[in-house]
Structure formats: structure tokens, C-alpha cells
PDB file of N, CA and C in Angstrom:
ATOM      1  N   MET A   1     124.555 102.747  62.857  1.00  0.00           N
ATOM      2  CA  MET A   1     123.637 102.192  62.287  1.00  0.00           C
ATOM      3  C   MET A   1     124.470 101.084  63.008  1.00  0.00           C
ATOM      4  N   THR A   2     122.794 100.481  64.388  1.00  0.00           N
ATOM      5  CA  THR A   2     123.228  99.455  64.665  1.00  0.00           C
ATOM      6  C   THR A   2     122.359  97.901  64.326  1.00  0.00           C
ATOM      7  N   ARG A   3     123.554  97.174  63.967  1.00  0.00           N
ATOM      8  CA  ARG A   3     122.132  95.893  63.897  1.00  0.00           C
ATOM      9  C   ARG A   3     122.000  95.258  64.837  1.00  0.00           C
ATOM     10  N   VAL A   4     120.401  95.014  64.251  1.00  0.00           N
ATOM     11  CA  VAL A   4     119.329  93.974  65.106  1.00  0.00           C
ATOM     12  C   VAL A   4     119.781  92.880  65.338  1.00  0.00           C
ATOM     13  N   THR A   5     119.120  91.907  66.072  1.00  0.00           N
ATOM     14  CA  THR A   5     119.181  90.369  65.720  1.00  0.00           C
ATOM     15  C   THR A   5     119.278  89.973  66.235  1.00  0.00           C
ATOM     16  N   LEU A   6     118.105  89.045  66.438  1.00  0.00           N
ATOM     17  CA  LEU A   6     117.601  88.389  67.372  1.00  0.00           C
ATOM     18  C   LEU A   6     118.231  86.355  67.554  1.00  0.00           C
ATOM     19  N   LEU A   7     119.100  86.272  66.285  1.00  0.00           N
ATOM     20  CA  LEU A   7     119.803  85.247  66.094  1.00  0.00           C
ATOM     21  C   LEU A   7     120.894  85.243  67.694  1.00  0.00           C
ATOM     22  N   ARG A   8     121.257  83.722  67.784  1.00  0.00           N
ATOM     23  CA  ARG A   8     121.854  82.769  69.510  1.00  0.00           C
ATOM     24  C   ARG A   8     123.133  82.507  68.607  1.00  0.00           C
ATOM     25  N   LYS A   9     123.749  82.722  69.442  1.00  0.00           N
ATOM     26  CA  LYS A   9     125.479  81.948  69.508  1.00  0.00           C
ATOM     27  C   LYS A   9     125.193  80.179  70.120  1.00  0.00           C
ATOM     28  N   THR A  10     125.886  79.381  69.622  1.00  0.00           N
ATOM     29  CA  THR A  10     126.080  78.424  70.099  1.00  0.00           C
ATOM     30  C   THR A  10     126.210  77.469  71.362  1.00  0.00           C
ATOM     31  N   PRO A  11     125.874  78.541  72.692  1.00  0.00           N
ATOM     32  CA  PRO A  11     126.117  78.756  73.535  1.00  0.00           C
ATOM     33  C   PRO A  11     124.987  78.302  73.863  1.00  0.00           C
ATOM     34  N   ASP A  12     123.658  79.174  74.083  1.00  0.00           N
ATOM     35  CA  ASP A  12     122.652  79.242  73.844  1.00  0.00           C
ATOM     36  C   ASP A  12     121.545  78.878  72.990  1.00  0.00           C
ATOM     37  N   TRP A  13     122.184  78.440  72.335  1.00  0.00           N
ATOM     38  CA  TRP A  13     121.551  76.666  71.550  1.00  0.00           C
ATOM     39  C   TRP A  13     121.775  75.643  72.638  1.00  0.00           C
ATOM     40  N   GLU A  14     122.211  75.103  72.538  1.00  0.00           N
ATOM     41  CA  GLU A  14     123.155  73.641  74.029  1.00  0.00           C
ATOM     42  C   GLU A  14     122.462  73.805  75.100  1.00  0.00           C
ATOM     43  N   LYS A  15     121.798  75.677  75.175  1.00  0.00           N
ATOM     44  CA  LYS A  15     121.950  75.379  77.304  1.00  0.00           C
ATOM     45  C   LYS A  15     120.204  75.126  76.476  1.00  0.00           C
ATOM     46  N   ALA A  16     119.513  75.873  75.724  1.00  0.00           N
ATOM     47  CA  ALA A  16     117.995  74.934  75.390  1.00  0.00           C
ATOM     48  C   ALA A  16     117.365  74.149  75.397  1.00  0.00           C
ATOM     49  N   ARG A  17     118.366  73.424  74.334  1.00  0.00           N
ATOM     50  CA  ARG A  17     117.678  72.273  74.007  1.00  0.00           C
ATOM     51  C   ARG A  17     116.731  71.600  74.131  1.00  0.00           C
ATOM     52  N   PRO A  18     116.082  70.939  74.257  1.00  0.00           N
ATOM     53  CA  PRO A  18     115.202  69.620  74.774  1.00  0.00           C
ATOM     54  C   PRO A  18     115.949  68.788  74.584  1.00  0.00           C
ATOM     55  N   GLU A  19     114.979  68.157  75.636  1.00  0.00           N
ATOM     56  CA  GLU A  19     116.076  66.244  76.113  1.00  0.00           C
ATOM     57  C   GLU A  19     116.003  65.219  74.824  1.00  0.00           C
ATOM     58  N   ARG A  20     114.287  65.506  74.331  1.00  0.00           N
ATOM     59  CA  ARG A  20     114.301  64.762  73.079  1.00  0.00           C
ATOM     60  C   ARG A  20     115.370  64.858  71.545  1.00  0.00           C
ATOM     61  N   ALA A  21     115.890  66.195  71.703  1.00  0.00           N
ATOM     62  CA  ALA A  21     115.899  67.231  70.588  1.00  0.00           C
ATOM     63  C   ALA A  21     117.848  66.106  70.313  1.00  0.00           C
ATOM     64  N   VAL A  22     118.900  65.788  69.367  1.00  0.00           N
ATOM     65  CA  VAL A  22     120.112  66.035  69.614  1.00  0.00           C
ATOM     66  C   VAL A  22     120.142  67.343  68.115  1.00  0.00           C
ATOM     67  N   TYR A  23     121.842  67.732  67.904  1.00  0.00           N
ATOM     68  CA  TYR A  23     121.933  68.514  66.800  1.00  0.00           C
ATOM     69  C   TYR A  23     123.022  67.725  66.095  1.00  0.00           C
ATOM     70  N   GLU A  24     123.193  68.098  65.295  1.00  0.00           N
ATOM     71  CA  GLU A  24     123.600  67.399  64.786  1.00  0.00           C
ATOM     72  C   GLU A  24     124.706  68.147  63.492  1.00  0.00           C
ATOM     73  N   HIS A  25     124.129  69.123  63.196  1.00  0.00           N
ATOM     74  CA  HIS A  25     124.735  70.471  61.654  1.00  0.00           C
ATOM     75  C   HIS A  25     124.827  71.989  62.360  1.00  0.00           C
ATOM     76  N   PHE A  26     125.419  72.487  62.862  1.00  0.00           N
ATOM     77  CA  PHE A  26     124.961  73.732  63.195  1.00  0.00           C
ATOM     78  C   PHE A  26     125.602  74.729  61.600  1.00  0.00           C
ATOM     79  N   PHE A  27     124.824  75.780  61.043  1.00  0.00           N
ATOM     80  CA  PHE A  27     125.344  76.135  60.201  1.00  0.00           C
ATOM     81  C   PHE A  27     125.179  77.644  60.465  1.00  0.00           C
ATOM     82  N   TYR A  28     126.424  78.925  60.115  1.00  0.00           N
ATOM     83  CA  TYR A  28     126.662  79.743  60.168  1.00  0.00           C
ATOM     84  C   TYR A  28     126.536  81.676  59.604  1.00  0.00           C
ATOM     85  N   ASN A  29     126.265  82.601  60.001  1.00  0.00           N
ATOM     86  CA  ASN A  29     126.431  83.346  59.338  1.00  0.00           C
ATOM     87  C   ASN A  29     128.323  84.404  59.881  1.00  0.00           C
ATOM     88  N   SER A  30     128.256  85.137  58.817  1.00  0.00           N
ATOM     89  CA  SER A  30     129.060  85.439  59.043  1.00  0.00           C
ATOM     90  C   SER A  30     130.141  86.423  59.805  1.00  0.00           C
ATOM     91  N   HIS A  31     128.716  86.703  61.117  1.00  0.00           N
ATOM     92  CA  HIS A  31     128.854  87.251  62.656  1.00  0.00           C
ATOM     93  C   HIS A  31     129.238  86.037  63.750  1.00  0.00           C
ATOM     94  N   GLY A  32     129.003  85.321  62.955  1.00  0.00           N
ATOM     95  CA  GLY A  32     129.566  83.611  64.454  1.00  0.00           C
ATOM     96  C   GLY A  32     128.292  83.039  64.706  1.00  0.00           C
ATOM     97  N   GLU A  33     127.329  83.741  64.507  1.00  0.00           N
ATOM     98  CA  GLU A  33     125.347  83.575  65.261  1.00  0.00           C
ATOM     99  C   GLU A  33     125.231  82.120  64.183  1.00  0.00           C
ATOM    100  N   VAL A  34     124.735  82.104  65.604  1.00  0.00           N
ATOM    101  CA  VAL A  34     122.968  80.336  64.227  1.00  0.00           C
ATOM    102  C   VAL A  34     122.072  80.626  63.496  1.00  0.00           C
ATOM    103  N   ARG A  35     122.256  80.746  62.585  1.00  0.00           N
ATOM    104  CA  ARG A  35     121.364  80.560  60.886  1.00  0.00           C
ATOM    105  C   ARG A  35     120.952  79.612  61.196  1.00  0.00           C
ATOM    106  N   LYS A  36     121.140  78.268  61.084  1.00  0.00           N
ATOM    107  CA  LYS A  36     120.364  76.947  61.552  1.00  0.00           C
ATOM    108  C   LYS A  36     120.755  76.142  61.940  1.00  0.00           C
ATOM    109  N   VAL A  37     120.014  75.148  62.165  1.00  0.00           N
ATOM    110  CA  VAL A  37     120.523  73.693  62.535  1.00  0.00           C
ATOM    111  C   VAL A  37     119.815  72.456  62.535  1.00  0.00           C
ATOM    112  N   LYS A  38     120.554  71.558  61.987  1.00  0.00           N
ATOM    113  CA  LYS A  38     119.892  69.831  61.985  1.00  0.00           C
ATOM    114  C   LYS A  38     120.095  69.143  62.568  1.00  0.00           C
ATOM    115  N   GLY A  39     119.220  68.819  62.931  1.00  0.00           N
ATOM    116  CA  GLY A  39     119.002  67.064  63.950  1.00  0.00           C
ATOM    117  C   GLY A  39     117.931  66.669  63.236  1.00  0.00           C
ATOM    118  N   LYS A  40     117.499  65.833  64.843  1.00  0.00           N
ATOM    119  CA  LYS A  40     117.150  64.382  64.821  1.00  0.00           C
ATOM    120  C   LYS A  40     116.206  65.191  65.867  1.00  0.00           C
ATOM    121  N   ILE A  41     114.344  64.240  66.450  1.00  0.00           N
ATOM    122  CA  ILE A  41     114.160  64.727  67.286  1.00  0.00           C
ATOM    123  C   ILE A  41     113.523  63.036  67.798  1.00  0.00           C
ATOM    124  N   THR A  42     113.777  62.530  68.631  1.00  0.00           N
ATOM    125  CA  THR A  42     112.575  61.550  68.892  1.00  0.00           C
ATOM    126  C   THR A  42     110.920  61.053  69.322  1.00  0.00           C
ATOM    127  N   VAL A  43     110.139  60.623  68.867  1.00  0.00           N
ATOM    128  CA  VAL A  43     108.855  60.557  68.769  1.00  0.00           C
ATOM    129  C   VAL A  43     108.211  59.175  69.214  1.00  0.00           C
ATOM    130  N   VAL A  44     107.358  59.349  69.925  1.00  0.00           N
ATOM    131  CA  VAL A  44     106.114  58.222  69.907  1.00  0.00           C
ATOM    132  C   VAL A  44     105.160  58.064  69.352  1.00  0.00           C
ATOM    133  N   THR A  45     105.207  56.797  68.708  1.00  0.00           N
ATOM    134  CA  THR A  45     104.265  56.344  67.073  1.00  0.00           C
ATOM    135  C   THR A  45     103.541  55.038  68.450  1.00  0.00           C
ATOM    136  N   SER A  46     101.925  55.153  66.806  1.00  0.00           N
ATOM    137  CA  SER A  46     101.779  53.757  67.219  1.00  0.00           C
ATOM    138  C   SER A  46     101.733  53.098  66.350  1.00  0.00           C
ATOM    139  N   VAL A  47     101.583  51.443  66.613  1.00  0.00           N
ATOM    140  CA  VAL A  47     101.956  50.650  65.707  1.00  0.00           C
ATOM    141  C   VAL A  47     101.773  49.737  65.342  1.00  0.00           C
ATOM    142  N   CYS A  48     101.423  49.475  64.247  1.00  0.00           N
ATOM    143  CA  CYS A  48     100.029  48.171  64.728  1.00  0.00           C
ATOM    144  C   CYS A  48     100.490  46.920  64.508  1.00  0.00           C
ATOM    145  N   ARG A  49     100.975  45.712  64.507  1.00  0.00           N
ATOM    146  CA  ARG A  49     101.725  44.475  64.999  1.00  0.00           C
ATOM    147  C   ARG A  49     101.282  43.527  65.412  1.00  0.00           C
ATOM    148  N   CYS A  50     100.170  42.754  63.752  1.00  0.00           N
ATOM    149  CA  CYS A  50     100.325  41.732  65.091  1.00  0.00           C
ATOM    150  C   CYS A  50      98.684  41.038  65.060  1.00  0.00           C
ATOM    151  N   GLY A  51      98.009  42.893  64.411  1.00  0.00           N
ATOM    152  CA  GLY A  51      96.998  42.694  65.120  1.00  0.00           C
ATOM    153  C   GLY A  51      96.555  43.526  66.262  1.00  0.00           C
ATOM    154  N   GLN A  52      98.016  43.774  67.494  1.00  0.00           N
ATOM    155  CA  GLN A  52      97.636  44.843  68.964  1.00  0.00           C
ATOM    156  C   GLN A  52      99.005  46.128  68.253  1.00  0.00           C
ATOM    157  N   LYS A  53      98.007  46.651  69.203  1.00  0.00           N
ATOM    158  CA  LYS A  53      98.444  48.254  68.464  1.00  0.00           C
ATOM    159  C   LYS A  53      99.866  48.989  69.865  1.00  0.00           C
ATOM    160  N   THR A  54     101.138  48.867  69.167  1.00  0.00           N
ATOM    161  CA  THR A  54     101.970  49.299  70.581  1.00  0.00           C
ATOM    162  C   THR A  54     102.570  50.484  70.261  1.00  0.00           C
ATOM    163  N   MET A  55     102.639  51.052  71.005  1.00  0.00           N
ATOM    164  CA  MET A  55     103.821  52.339  71.402  1.00  0.00           C
ATOM    165  C   MET A  55     104.916  52.052  70.682  1.00  0.00           C
ATOM    166  N   THR A  56     105.910  52.781  70.268  1.00  0.00           N
ATOM    167  CA  THR A  56     107.101  52.766  69.043  1.00  0.00           C
ATOM    168  C   THR A  56     107.810  53.857  69.789  1.00  0.00           C
ATOM    169  N   THR A  57     109.356  53.611  69.553  1.00  0.00           N
ATOM    170  CA  THR A  57     110.153  55.512  69.306  1.00  0.00           C
ATOM    171  C   THR A  57     111.001  55.801  68.372  1.00  0.00           C
ATOM    172  N   MET A  58     110.360  56.277  67.345  1.00  0.00           N
ATOM    173  CA  MET A  58     111.408  56.619  66.190  1.00  0.00           C
ATOM    174  C   MET A  58     111.782  58.047  65.994  1.00  0.00           C
ATOM    175  N   THR A  59     112.943  58.412  65.331  1.00  0.00           N
ATOM    176  CA  THR A  59     113.757  59.719  65.320  1.00  0.00           C
ATOM    177  C   THR A  59     113.600  60.083  64.146  1.00  0.00           C
ATOM    178  N   ARG A  60     113.243  61.671  64.378  1.00  0.00           N
ATOM    179  CA  ARG A  60     112.449  62.167  62.680  1.00  0.00           C
ATOM    180  C   ARG A  60     113.830  63.364  62.339  1.00  0.00           C
ATOM    181  N   ASP A  61     113.742  63.515  61.051  1.00  0.00           N
ATOM    182  CA  ASP A  61     114.773  64.593  61.160  1.00  0.00           C
ATOM    183  C   ASP A  61     114.176  66.173  60.399  1.00  0.00           C
ATOM    184  N   VAL A  62     114.844  66.722  61.356  1.00  0.00           N
ATOM    185  CA  VAL A  62     113.775  68.256  61.468  1.00  0.00           C
ATOM    186  C   VAL A  62     115.394  69.378  61.601  1.00  0.00           C
ATOM    187  N   ARG A  63     114.885  70.593  61.176  1.00  0.00           N
ATOM    188  CA  ARG A  63     115.597  71.563  61.089  1.00  0.00           C
ATOM    189  C   ARG A  63     115.515  72.886  62.031  1.00  0.00           C
ATOM    190  N   TRP A  64     115.886  73.680  62.392  1.00  0.00           N
ATOM    191  CA  TRP A  64     116.000  74.396  63.028  1.00  0.00           C
ATOM    192  C   TRP A  64     116.520  75.551  62.403  1.00  0.00           C
ATOM    193  N   ASP A  65     115.418  77.648  61.776  1.00  0.00           N
ATOM    194  CA  ASP A  65     115.718  78.196  61.703  1.00  0.00           C
ATOM    195  C   ASP A  65     116.210  78.625  63.031  1.00  0.00           C
ATOM    196  N   GLY A  66     117.421  80.259  61.911  1.00  0.00           N
ATOM    197  CA  GLY A  66     118.068  80.891  63.845  1.00  0.00           C
ATOM    198  C   GLY A  66     117.009  80.894  64.719  1.00  0.00           C
ATOM    199  N   LEU A  67     115.834  81.149  64.820  1.00  0.00           N
ATOM    200  CA  LEU A  67     114.954  82.066  65.061  1.00  0.00           C
ATOM    201  C   LEU A  67     114.369  80.606  66.549  1.00  0.00           C
ATOM    202  N   GLY A  68     114.214  79.335  66.149  1.00  0.00           N
ATOM    203  CA  GLY A  68     113.898  77.941  66.811  1.00  0.00           C
ATOM    204  C   GLY A  68     113.305  77.697  66.304  1.00  0.00           C
ATOM    205  N   ARG A  69     112.540  78.570  65.266  1.00  0.00           N
ATOM    206  CA  ARG A  69     111.140  77.520  64.980  1.00  0.00           C
ATOM    207  C   ARG A  69     111.831  76.200  63.928  1.00  0.00           C
ATOM    208  N   CYS A  70     110.412  75.199  64.112  1.00  0.00           N
ATOM    209  CA  CYS A  70     111.418  73.887  64.087  1.00  0.00           C
ATOM    210  C   CYS A  70     110.017  73.402  63.075  1.00  0.00           C
ATOM    211  N   TYR A  71     111.316  72.553  61.561  1.00  0.00           N
ATOM    212  CA  TYR A  71     110.599  72.071  60.424  1.00  0.00           C
ATOM    213  C   TYR A  71     111.192  71.129  59.943  1.00  0.00           C
ATOM    214  N   VAL A  72     110.005  69.847  59.864  1.00  0.00           N
ATOM    215  CA  VAL A  72     110.208  68.500  59.845  1.00  0.00           C
ATOM    216  C   VAL A  72     111.288  69.148  57.592  1.00  0.00           C
ATOM    217  N   GLY A  73     111.996  67.899  58.185  1.00  0.00           N
ATOM    218  CA  GLY A  73     112.275  66.810  57.421  1.00  0.00           C
ATOM    219  C   GLY A  73     113.692  67.926  55.937  1.00  0.00           C
ATOM    220  N   THR A  74     112.885  67.783  55.238  1.00  0.00           N
ATOM    221  CA  THR A  74     113.273  69.510  54.211  1.00  0.00           C
ATOM    222  C   THR A  74     112.239  69.806  53.601  1.00  0.00           C
ATOM    223  N   HIS A  75     111.081  69.610  54.253  1.00  0.00           N
ATOM    224  CA  HIS A  75     110.102  70.387  53.636  1.00  0.00           C
ATOM    225  C   HIS A  75     109.672  71.057  54.958  1.00  0.00           C
ATOM    226  N   ASN A  76     108.738  72.798  53.888  1.00  0.00           N
ATOM    227  CA  ASN A  76     108.593  73.792  54.916  1.00  0.00           C
ATOM    228  C   ASN A  76     107.314  73.668  56.055  1.00  0.00           C
ATOM    229  N   VAL A  77     107.147  72.155  56.684  1.00  0.00           N
ATOM    230  CA  VAL A  77     106.226  72.013  57.376  1.00  0.00           C
ATOM    231  C   VAL A  77     106.518  72.419  58.379  1.00  0.00           C
ATOM    232  N   ARG A  78     105.879  73.256  58.900  1.00  0.00           N
ATOM    233  CA  ARG A  78     106.084  73.917  61.000  1.00  0.00           C
ATOM    234  C   ARG A  78     105.675  73.030  61.141  1.00  0.00           C
ATOM    235  N   ASN A  79     106.409  72.372  62.334  1.00  0.00           N
ATOM    236  CA  ASN A  79     106.164  71.740  63.720  1.00  0.00           C
ATOM    237  C   ASN A  79     106.290  72.287  64.950  1.00  0.00           C
ATOM    238  N   ARG A  80     105.190  73.304  65.412  1.00  0.00           N
ATOM    239  CA  ARG A  80     105.802  73.871  66.805  1.00  0.00           C
ATOM    240  C   ARG A  80     105.202  73.464  67.809  1.00  0.00           C
ATOM    241  N   ASN A  81     105.468  72.303  67.676  1.00  0.00           N
ATOM    242  CA  ASN A  81     105.773  71.441  69.825  1.00  0.00           C
ATOM    243  C   ASN A  81     107.047  71.273  69.643  1.00  0.00           C
ATOM    244  N   TYR A  82     108.166  71.508  67.898  1.00  0.00           N
ATOM    245  CA  TYR A  82     109.473  71.579  69.113  1.00  0.00           C
ATOM    246  C   TYR A  82     110.129  72.273  68.832  1.00  0.00           C
ATOM    247  N   ASP A  83     109.633  73.105  68.587  1.00  0.00           N
ATOM    248  CA  ASP A  83     109.914  74.527  68.608  1.00  0.00           C
ATOM    249  C   ASP A  83     110.930  75.338  70.166  1.00  0.00           C
ATOM    250  N   ILE A  84     112.434  76.085  70.031  1.00  0.00           N
ATOM    251  CA  ILE A  84     113.171  75.457  70.713  1.00  0.00           C
ATOM    252  C   ILE A  84     112.864  77.568  71.399  1.00  0.00           C
ATOM    253  N   HIS A  85     112.573  77.743  72.783  1.00  0.00           N
ATOM    254  CA  HIS A  85     112.122  78.731  73.293  1.00  0.00           C
ATOM    255  C   HIS A  85     114.047  79.580  73.842  1.00  0.00           C
ATOM    256  N   PHE A  86     113.972  80.280  73.370  1.00  0.00           N
ATOM    257  CA  PHE A  86     115.166  80.630  74.100  1.00  0.00           C
ATOM    258  C   PHE A  86     114.536  81.892  75.511  1.00  0.00           C
ATOM    259  N   ASN A  87     115.338  81.986  76.302  1.00  0.00           N
ATOM    260  CA  ASN A  87     114.657  82.648  77.908  1.00  0.00           C
ATOM    261  C   ASN A  87     115.485  83.383  78.195  1.00  0.00           C
TER     262      ASN A  87
END
């Protein structure tokens, strides 16, 4: 019986990393494949300062599962804009 897996190795994750993302910690399974990644993404948000709206950058804690799906913080809320697509 062959094992079918969609999980990837670390070099595949590094090649597919978006420019706004930073990986902080990789979690592996027993076969050496990445099962979860914790990291940060840089987002641009509008902030009201002294009555003026300005755009500022901030970082958000995110995690990706082994298939590249992005989740915000410690919640199970998907953030599809930052999913990682392996080609």
C-alpha cells in the first residue's frame, strides 16, 4: 500500500514563500514533511490619527497548515488572501 501525501518539504515552502510573509517555526511529521508553519505577515491598514486617515503597516501572527492554508492567529479563521500555492 502506497502512502499518498500532499505535504511538502521545507525547500518547497521556502520557494513558495510570499514576499510579505516571514516563517518563524516549522513543525514536522515523522517523515520529515512540514505539517504546520507559524509566522508573520505584513499588512497595510488605515489608522485614524488626529482626525486624519493614514495608511500604516503592521504585522499579524498567522499559521499555515501542511497544505498551505492560512489561519489568523490562534483562531480557526481562514485568511485565504495569504494561502500558499505550490506550483
